[in-house]
């Protein structure tokens, strides 16, 4: 059985959200600080741990940040204050250009 996984940007709540079969199962919060987005917390419902959803969430969020930068001709940087986001960047050095 295949699951439908979707990541979206909830600007009103300042977070990226991940849903599995339309059920919210996690999020990564951030707040703007100058020209940076400070990612300060990532959470995945314990019932969904071990499925790689945190990595999917952060990878998708970083892709959306890059798309928004291109669209808005901006040059934001990401401050990975959350330990999960920081470790994701360590495992994905190809995205180091985003880190402040």
N, C-alpha and C. Protein backbone atom coordinates (compact mmCIF):
# COMPACT_ATOMS: atom_id res chain seq x y z
N UNK A 1 0.85 -1.19 0.00
CA UNK A 1 0.00 0.00 0.00
C UNK A 1 0.89 1.24 0.00
N UNK A 2 0.68 2.11 -0.94
CA UNK A 2 1.46 3.32 -1.10
C UNK A 2 0.80 4.49 -0.37
N UNK A 3 1.64 5.31 0.26
CA UNK A 3 1.12 6.48 0.95
C UNK A 3 1.34 7.72 0.11
N UNK A 4 0.39 8.65 0.19
CA UNK A 4 0.51 9.92 -0.49
C UNK A 4 1.13 10.92 0.48
N UNK A 5 2.36 11.37 0.19
CA UNK A 5 3.08 12.30 1.05
C UNK A 5 3.13 13.66 0.36
N UNK A 6 2.76 14.70 1.11
CA UNK A 6 2.75 16.05 0.54
C UNK A 6 3.34 17.03 1.55
N UNK A 7 4.19 17.92 1.05
CA UNK A 7 4.77 18.98 1.88
C UNK A 7 4.25 20.31 1.36
N UNK A 8 3.84 21.18 2.29
CA UNK A 8 3.33 22.49 1.91
C UNK A 8 3.90 23.56 2.84
N UNK A 9 3.82 24.80 2.38
CA UNK A 9 4.29 25.94 3.16
C UNK A 9 3.07 26.63 3.75
N UNK A 10 2.99 26.69 5.05
CA UNK A 10 1.91 27.38 5.75
C UNK A 10 2.50 28.71 6.23
N UNK A 11 2.39 29.74 5.37
CA UNK A 11 2.98 31.03 5.70
C UNK A 11 2.38 31.65 6.95
N UNK A 12 1.08 31.51 7.13
CA UNK A 12 0.40 32.10 8.29
C UNK A 12 0.96 31.57 9.60
N UNK A 13 1.33 30.30 9.63
CA UNK A 13 1.88 29.68 10.84
C UNK A 13 3.42 29.69 10.85
N UNK A 14 4.03 30.21 9.79
CA UNK A 14 5.48 30.22 9.61
C UNK A 14 6.07 28.83 9.81
N UNK A 15 5.56 27.90 9.00
CA UNK A 15 6.08 26.54 9.07
C UNK A 15 5.82 25.79 7.78
N UNK A 16 6.64 24.76 7.56
CA UNK A 16 6.44 23.82 6.47
C UNK A 16 5.81 22.59 7.09
N UNK A 17 4.81 22.04 6.43
CA UNK A 17 4.05 20.93 6.98
C UNK A 17 4.14 19.71 6.06
N UNK A 18 4.13 18.54 6.67
CA UNK A 18 4.12 17.30 5.89
C UNK A 18 2.87 16.51 6.27
N UNK A 19 2.20 16.04 5.22
CA UNK A 19 0.99 15.25 5.41
C UNK A 19 1.17 13.89 4.73
N UNK A 20 0.61 12.88 5.38
CA UNK A 20 0.57 11.54 4.81
C UNK A 20 -0.91 11.20 4.66
N UNK A 21 -1.31 10.92 3.42
CA UNK A 21 -2.72 10.64 3.13
C UNK A 21 -3.62 11.72 3.74
N UNK A 22 -3.21 12.98 3.55
CA UNK A 22 -3.94 14.18 3.97
C UNK A 22 -3.98 14.41 5.48
N UNK A 23 -3.25 13.62 6.26
CA UNK A 23 -3.19 13.78 7.71
C UNK A 23 -1.88 14.51 8.05
N UNK A 24 -1.97 15.61 8.79
CA UNK A 24 -0.78 16.34 9.22
C UNK A 24 0.02 15.47 10.17
N UNK A 25 1.26 15.15 9.81
CA UNK A 25 2.09 14.29 10.64
C UNK A 25 3.38 14.96 11.11
N UNK A 26 3.64 16.18 10.65
CA UNK A 26 4.84 16.86 11.09
C UNK A 26 4.96 18.25 10.53
N UNK A 27 5.94 18.99 11.08
CA UNK A 27 6.16 20.36 10.62
C UNK A 27 7.56 20.82 11.01
N UNK A 28 8.02 21.86 10.34
CA UNK A 28 9.27 22.53 10.66
C UNK A 28 8.95 24.02 10.75
N UNK A 29 9.17 24.60 11.93
CA UNK A 29 8.85 26.02 12.13
C UNK A 29 10.09 26.88 11.87
N UNK A 30 9.82 28.12 11.51
CA UNK A 30 10.88 29.08 11.25
C UNK A 30 10.38 30.47 11.61
N UNK A 31 11.30 31.41 11.71
CA UNK A 31 10.91 32.81 11.81
C UNK A 31 11.92 33.62 11.02
N UNK A 32 11.43 34.70 10.38
CA UNK A 32 12.34 35.55 9.61
C UNK A 32 13.17 36.42 10.56
N UNK A 33 14.44 36.60 10.20
CA UNK A 33 15.33 37.50 10.94
C UNK A 33 16.22 38.17 9.92
N UNK A 34 15.90 39.40 9.59
CA UNK A 34 16.64 40.11 8.56
C UNK A 34 16.51 39.40 7.23
N UNK A 35 17.64 39.04 6.64
CA UNK A 35 17.66 38.33 5.36
C UNK A 35 17.74 36.81 5.55
N UNK A 36 17.40 36.36 6.75
CA UNK A 36 17.51 34.93 7.06
C UNK A 36 16.17 34.34 7.50
N UNK A 37 16.08 33.03 7.33
CA UNK A 37 14.97 32.26 7.90
C UNK A 37 15.58 31.34 8.94
N UNK A 38 15.18 31.53 10.19
CA UNK A 38 15.73 30.74 11.29
C UNK A 38 14.80 29.55 11.53
N UNK A 39 15.29 28.35 11.20
CA UNK A 39 14.51 27.13 11.44
C UNK A 39 14.81 26.69 12.87
N UNK A 40 13.78 26.73 13.71
CA UNK A 40 14.00 26.51 15.14
C UNK A 40 13.38 25.24 15.72
N UNK A 41 12.56 24.52 14.94
CA UNK A 41 11.95 23.31 15.49
C UNK A 41 11.42 22.43 14.37
N UNK A 42 11.66 21.14 14.48
CA UNK A 42 11.09 20.15 13.56
C UNK A 42 10.45 19.06 14.40
N UNK A 43 9.27 18.66 14.00
CA UNK A 43 8.55 17.64 14.77
C UNK A 43 7.81 16.70 13.82
N UNK A 44 7.95 15.41 14.08
CA UNK A 44 7.22 14.37 13.35
C UNK A 44 6.45 13.55 14.38
N UNK A 45 5.19 13.29 14.11
CA UNK A 45 4.37 12.47 15.00
C UNK A 45 5.09 11.15 15.26
N UNK A 46 5.23 10.76 16.54
CA UNK A 46 5.94 9.52 16.86
C UNK A 46 5.42 8.29 16.12
N UNK A 47 4.14 8.27 15.78
CA UNK A 47 3.57 7.13 15.04
C UNK A 47 4.18 7.01 13.64
N UNK A 48 4.85 8.07 13.17
CA UNK A 48 5.42 8.08 11.83
C UNK A 48 6.95 8.11 11.84
N UNK A 49 7.56 7.96 13.02
CA UNK A 49 9.02 7.94 13.10
C UNK A 49 9.58 6.76 12.32
N UNK A 50 10.81 6.91 11.84
CA UNK A 50 11.51 5.83 11.17
C UNK A 50 11.15 5.64 9.72
N UNK A 51 10.36 6.56 9.16
CA UNK A 51 9.96 6.45 7.76
C UNK A 51 10.67 7.45 6.85
N UNK A 52 11.58 8.23 7.43
CA UNK A 52 12.31 9.22 6.64
C UNK A 52 11.51 10.48 6.33
N UNK A 53 10.40 10.67 7.03
CA UNK A 53 9.54 11.82 6.72
C UNK A 53 10.17 13.15 7.12
N UNK A 54 10.99 13.15 8.17
CA UNK A 54 11.68 14.37 8.56
C UNK A 54 12.61 14.84 7.46
N UNK A 55 13.34 13.93 6.87
CA UNK A 55 14.25 14.27 5.78
C UNK A 55 13.48 14.75 4.55
N UNK A 56 12.36 14.10 4.26
CA UNK A 56 11.52 14.55 3.13
C UNK A 56 11.01 15.96 3.40
N UNK A 57 10.58 16.22 4.63
CA UNK A 57 10.07 17.54 5.00
C UNK A 57 11.13 18.61 4.80
N UNK A 58 12.33 18.40 5.33
CA UNK A 58 13.37 19.42 5.23
C UNK A 58 13.87 19.58 3.80
N UNK A 59 14.04 18.49 3.08
CA UNK A 59 14.47 18.59 1.68
C UNK A 59 13.45 19.38 0.87
N UNK A 60 12.19 19.12 1.08
CA UNK A 60 11.14 19.83 0.35
C UNK A 60 11.09 21.30 0.78
N UNK A 61 11.23 21.55 2.07
CA UNK A 61 11.22 22.93 2.55
C UNK A 61 12.37 23.72 1.94
N UNK A 62 13.56 23.14 1.88
CA UNK A 62 14.72 23.85 1.31
C UNK A 62 14.52 24.09 -0.19
N UNK A 63 13.90 23.13 -0.88
CA UNK A 63 13.59 23.34 -2.30
C UNK A 63 12.61 24.49 -2.47
N UNK A 64 11.63 24.58 -1.58
CA UNK A 64 10.65 25.67 -1.65
C UNK A 64 11.30 27.02 -1.32
N UNK A 65 12.24 27.03 -0.38
CA UNK A 65 12.96 28.27 -0.05
C UNK A 65 13.74 28.72 -1.29
N UNK A 66 14.43 27.79 -1.95
CA UNK A 66 15.19 28.14 -3.15
C UNK A 66 14.27 28.67 -4.26
N UNK A 67 13.13 28.01 -4.46
CA UNK A 67 12.17 28.47 -5.48
C UNK A 67 11.67 29.87 -5.17
N UNK A 68 11.37 30.14 -3.90
CA UNK A 68 10.88 31.46 -3.51
C UNK A 68 11.96 32.53 -3.72
N UNK A 69 13.22 32.16 -3.46
CA UNK A 69 14.30 33.12 -3.67
C UNK A 69 14.41 33.50 -5.14
N UNK A 70 14.29 32.53 -6.01
CA UNK A 70 14.37 32.80 -7.45
C UNK A 70 13.19 33.67 -7.87
N UNK A 71 12.01 33.29 -7.43
CA UNK A 71 10.79 34.02 -7.80
C UNK A 71 10.82 35.46 -7.31
N UNK A 72 11.30 35.67 -6.10
CA UNK A 72 11.30 37.00 -5.50
C UNK A 72 12.63 37.73 -5.67
N UNK A 73 13.57 37.11 -6.39
CA UNK A 73 14.90 37.67 -6.60
C UNK A 73 15.52 38.08 -5.26
N UNK A 74 15.44 37.18 -4.30
CA UNK A 74 15.97 37.42 -2.96
C UNK A 74 17.19 36.54 -2.73
N UNK A 75 17.89 36.80 -1.66
CA UNK A 75 19.06 35.97 -1.33
C UNK A 75 19.04 35.63 0.16
N UNK A 76 17.96 35.00 0.59
CA UNK A 76 17.84 34.60 1.99
C UNK A 76 18.86 33.53 2.32
N UNK A 77 19.12 33.42 3.57
CA UNK A 77 19.95 32.35 4.11
C UNK A 77 19.15 31.62 5.17
N UNK A 78 19.50 30.39 5.41
CA UNK A 78 18.84 29.57 6.41
C UNK A 78 19.75 29.44 7.62
N UNK A 79 19.19 29.70 8.79
CA UNK A 79 19.91 29.50 10.04
C UNK A 79 19.33 28.24 10.68
N UNK A 80 20.09 27.14 10.68
CA UNK A 80 19.57 25.87 11.20
C UNK A 80 19.73 25.77 12.72
N UNK A 81 18.89 26.47 13.46
CA UNK A 81 18.94 26.42 14.92
C UNK A 81 18.42 25.08 15.46
N UNK A 82 17.52 24.47 14.71
CA UNK A 82 16.99 23.15 15.07
C UNK A 82 18.06 22.09 14.77
N UNK A 83 18.31 21.20 15.73
CA UNK A 83 19.36 20.20 15.54
C UNK A 83 19.07 19.26 14.37
N UNK A 84 17.80 18.97 14.11
CA UNK A 84 17.46 18.09 12.99
C UNK A 84 17.81 18.76 11.66
N UNK A 85 17.48 20.04 11.54
CA UNK A 85 17.80 20.78 10.31
C UNK A 85 19.32 20.89 10.14
N UNK A 86 20.02 21.16 11.23
CA UNK A 86 21.48 21.26 11.17
C UNK A 86 22.10 19.94 10.72
N UNK A 87 21.61 18.82 11.24
CA UNK A 87 22.17 17.53 10.84
C UNK A 87 21.79 17.20 9.39
N UNK A 88 20.62 17.66 8.94
CA UNK A 88 20.24 17.44 7.54
C UNK A 88 21.24 18.15 6.62
N UNK A 89 21.60 19.39 6.97
CA UNK A 89 22.58 20.12 6.15
C UNK A 89 23.94 19.43 6.17
N UNK A 90 24.32 18.84 7.29
CA UNK A 90 25.60 18.12 7.34
C UNK A 90 25.58 16.91 6.41
N UNK A 91 24.43 16.26 6.28
CA UNK A 91 24.31 15.09 5.40
C UNK A 91 24.11 15.50 3.94
N UNK A 92 23.79 16.76 3.68
CA UNK A 92 23.53 17.24 2.32
C UNK A 92 24.34 18.50 2.03
N UNK A 93 25.67 18.37 1.92
CA UNK A 93 26.52 19.54 1.70
C UNK A 93 26.24 20.24 0.38
N UNK A 94 25.54 19.59 -0.52
CA UNK A 94 25.20 20.24 -1.80
C UNK A 94 24.25 21.43 -1.60
N UNK A 95 23.68 21.56 -0.41
CA UNK A 95 22.78 22.69 -0.10
C UNK A 95 23.44 23.70 0.83
N UNK A 96 24.75 23.61 1.01
CA UNK A 96 25.46 24.49 1.93
C UNK A 96 25.35 25.95 1.55
N UNK A 97 25.07 26.25 0.28
CA UNK A 97 24.92 27.62 -0.16
C UNK A 97 23.74 28.32 0.51
N UNK A 98 22.83 27.57 1.09
CA UNK A 98 21.68 28.16 1.77
C UNK A 98 21.98 28.55 3.21
N UNK A 99 23.01 27.98 3.80
CA UNK A 99 23.27 28.16 5.22
C UNK A 99 23.95 29.51 5.49
N UNK A 100 23.42 30.20 6.49
CA UNK A 100 23.99 31.51 6.87
C UNK A 100 25.27 31.32 7.63
